Amino acid sequence: MADPHEAVEAVAGMFNKHGKWRDAPKRWAGEPEELLQRSEFWDALRQCMAKLPGPLGDAFQLREIQGLTTEKVRDLLGLSTTNLSTRLSRARALLRRCLELAWFGKRPSRKKDR
């Protein structure tokens, strides 16, 4: 999914017309501390991150992986606070879906709008 417009459509498809999750995030099995110790988890995360469109992946990498402050990421990428927040939200949603499929094996269902 190299096209940022595809990402917008994919993330929008996760919500109904009222802005509610079609399929709310589920609790993942296992303790987060244990997952961080497993190389297979990191492999799955890297594969999922590689699928993010450049602008979303860049923002996520700088903020969440490298741990830069929001202000530093915003300045480096030339973004407004709102735009950075939007990119990070979309990146997290896409990563959540990818990890559910690639790591946790739970395929999100597609419920109708309510």
Protein backbone atom coordinates (compact mmCIF):
# COMPACT_ATOMS: atom_id res chain seq x y z
CA MET A 1 0.00 0.00 0.00
CA ALA A 2 2.43 2.66 -1.20
CA ASP A 3 -0.28 5.17 -2.10
CA PRO A 4 -1.33 7.49 0.76
CA HIS A 5 -4.80 7.77 -0.81
CA GLU A 6 -5.19 4.00 -0.53
CA ALA A 7 -4.34 4.31 3.16
CA VAL A 8 -7.01 6.95 3.65
CA GLU A 9 -9.60 4.67 2.03
CA ALA A 10 -8.42 1.62 4.01
CA VAL A 11 -8.61 3.46 7.32
CA ALA A 12 -11.96 5.04 6.44
CA GLY A 13 -13.30 1.54 5.73
CA MET A 14 -12.59 0.59 9.34
CA PHE A 15 -15.33 2.95 10.52
CA ASN A 16 -19.04 3.24 9.82
CA LYS A 17 -20.75 6.42 8.64
CA HIS A 18 -21.06 7.57 12.26
CA GLY A 19 -17.33 7.28 12.91
CA LYS A 20 -17.66 4.13 15.04
CA TRP A 21 -15.43 1.10 14.59
CA ARG A 22 -16.92 -1.50 12.27
CA ASP A 23 -14.89 -4.03 14.20
CA ALA A 24 -13.45 -2.60 17.40
CA PRO A 25 -9.86 -3.48 18.27
CA LYS A 26 -9.76 -6.75 20.14
CA ARG A 27 -7.60 -7.54 23.11
CA TRP A 28 -4.51 -9.31 21.86
CA ALA A 29 -3.46 -12.49 23.57
CA GLY A 30 -0.25 -12.45 25.55
CA GLU A 31 1.50 -9.90 27.66
CA PRO A 32 3.05 -6.96 25.82
CA GLU A 33 6.34 -7.45 27.66
CA GLU A 34 6.50 -11.05 26.41
CA LEU A 35 5.75 -10.02 22.83
CA LEU A 36 8.60 -7.53 22.85
CA GLN A 37 10.99 -10.38 23.63
CA ARG A 38 9.96 -12.45 20.59
CA SER A 39 11.90 -11.90 17.40
CA GLU A 40 8.94 -13.21 15.38
CA PHE A 41 6.79 -10.34 16.64
CA TRP A 42 9.41 -7.80 15.56
CA ASP A 43 9.62 -9.49 12.16
CA ALA A 44 5.84 -9.20 11.76
CA LEU A 45 5.92 -5.57 12.88
CA ARG A 46 8.70 -4.74 10.39
CA GLN A 47 6.76 -6.42 7.59
CA CYS A 48 3.64 -4.45 8.51
CA MET A 49 5.56 -1.19 8.77
CA ALA A 50 7.03 -1.80 5.31
CA LYS A 51 3.48 -1.83 3.93
CA LEU A 52 2.70 1.65 5.26
CA PRO A 53 2.71 4.45 2.68
CA GLY A 54 5.88 6.56 3.00
CA PRO A 55 4.34 9.59 4.73
CA LEU A 56 2.60 7.42 7.34
CA GLY A 57 5.59 5.15 7.83
CA ASP A 58 7.97 8.07 8.20
CA ALA A 59 5.84 9.73 10.87
CA PHE A 60 5.35 6.47 12.79
CA GLN A 61 9.04 5.51 12.58
CA LEU A 62 10.24 8.87 13.88
CA ARG A 63 7.69 9.22 16.66
CA GLU A 64 7.10 5.69 17.92
CA ILE A 65 10.24 3.76 17.01
CA GLN A 66 12.91 6.44 17.29
CA GLY A 67 11.03 8.18 20.12
CA LEU A 68 11.38 11.72 18.84
CA THR A 69 9.08 14.33 20.36
CA THR A 70 5.98 15.38 18.49
CA GLU A 71 7.49 18.81 17.97
CA LYS A 72 10.70 17.38 16.49
CA VAL A 73 8.80 15.04 14.12
CA ARG A 74 6.49 17.86 13.08
CA ASP A 75 9.49 20.10 12.34
CA LEU A 76 11.44 17.40 10.48
CA LEU A 77 8.48 16.51 8.27
CA GLY A 78 7.16 20.06 7.91
CA LEU A 79 3.72 19.16 9.26
CA SER A 80 1.12 20.84 11.40
CA THR A 81 0.26 19.21 14.72
CA THR A 82 -3.10 18.14 13.28
CA ASN A 83 -1.56 16.61 10.16
CA LEU A 84 1.01 14.67 12.21
CA SER A 85 -1.72 13.41 14.53
CA THR A 86 -3.77 12.26 11.53
CA ARG A 87 -0.81 10.45 10.01
CA LEU A 88 0.00 8.70 13.28
CA SER A 89 -3.63 7.67 13.80
CA ARG A 90 -3.84 6.22 10.30
CA ALA A 91 -0.51 4.43 10.68
CA ARG A 92 -1.60 2.89 13.99
CA ALA A 93 -4.92 1.73 12.54
CA LEU A 94 -3.23 0.12 9.54
CA LEU A 95 -0.58 -1.51 11.72
CA ARG A 96 -3.26 -2.83 14.07
CA ARG A 97 -5.09 -4.46 11.17
CA CYS A 98 -1.90 -5.85 9.65
CA LEU A 99 -0.70 -7.30 12.98
CA GLU A 100 -4.07 -8.91 13.60
CA LEU A 101 -3.68 -10.72 10.29
CA ALA A 102 0.07 -11.35 10.28
CA TRP A 103 0.72 -12.02 13.94
CA PHE A 104 -2.45 -12.60 15.90
CA GLY A 105 -4.34 -14.35 13.11
CA LYS A 106 -7.63 -12.54 13.68
CA ARG A 107 -9.25 -11.29 10.53
CA PRO A 108 -11.39 -8.21 11.23
CA SER A 109 -15.00 -8.73 10.21
CA ARG A 110 -16.85 -6.32 7.96
CA LYS A 111 -20.05 -5.28 9.69
CA LYS A 112 -22.72 -3.16 7.99
CA ASP A 113 -23.20 0.50 8.96
CA ARG A 114 -25.65 0.95 11.74
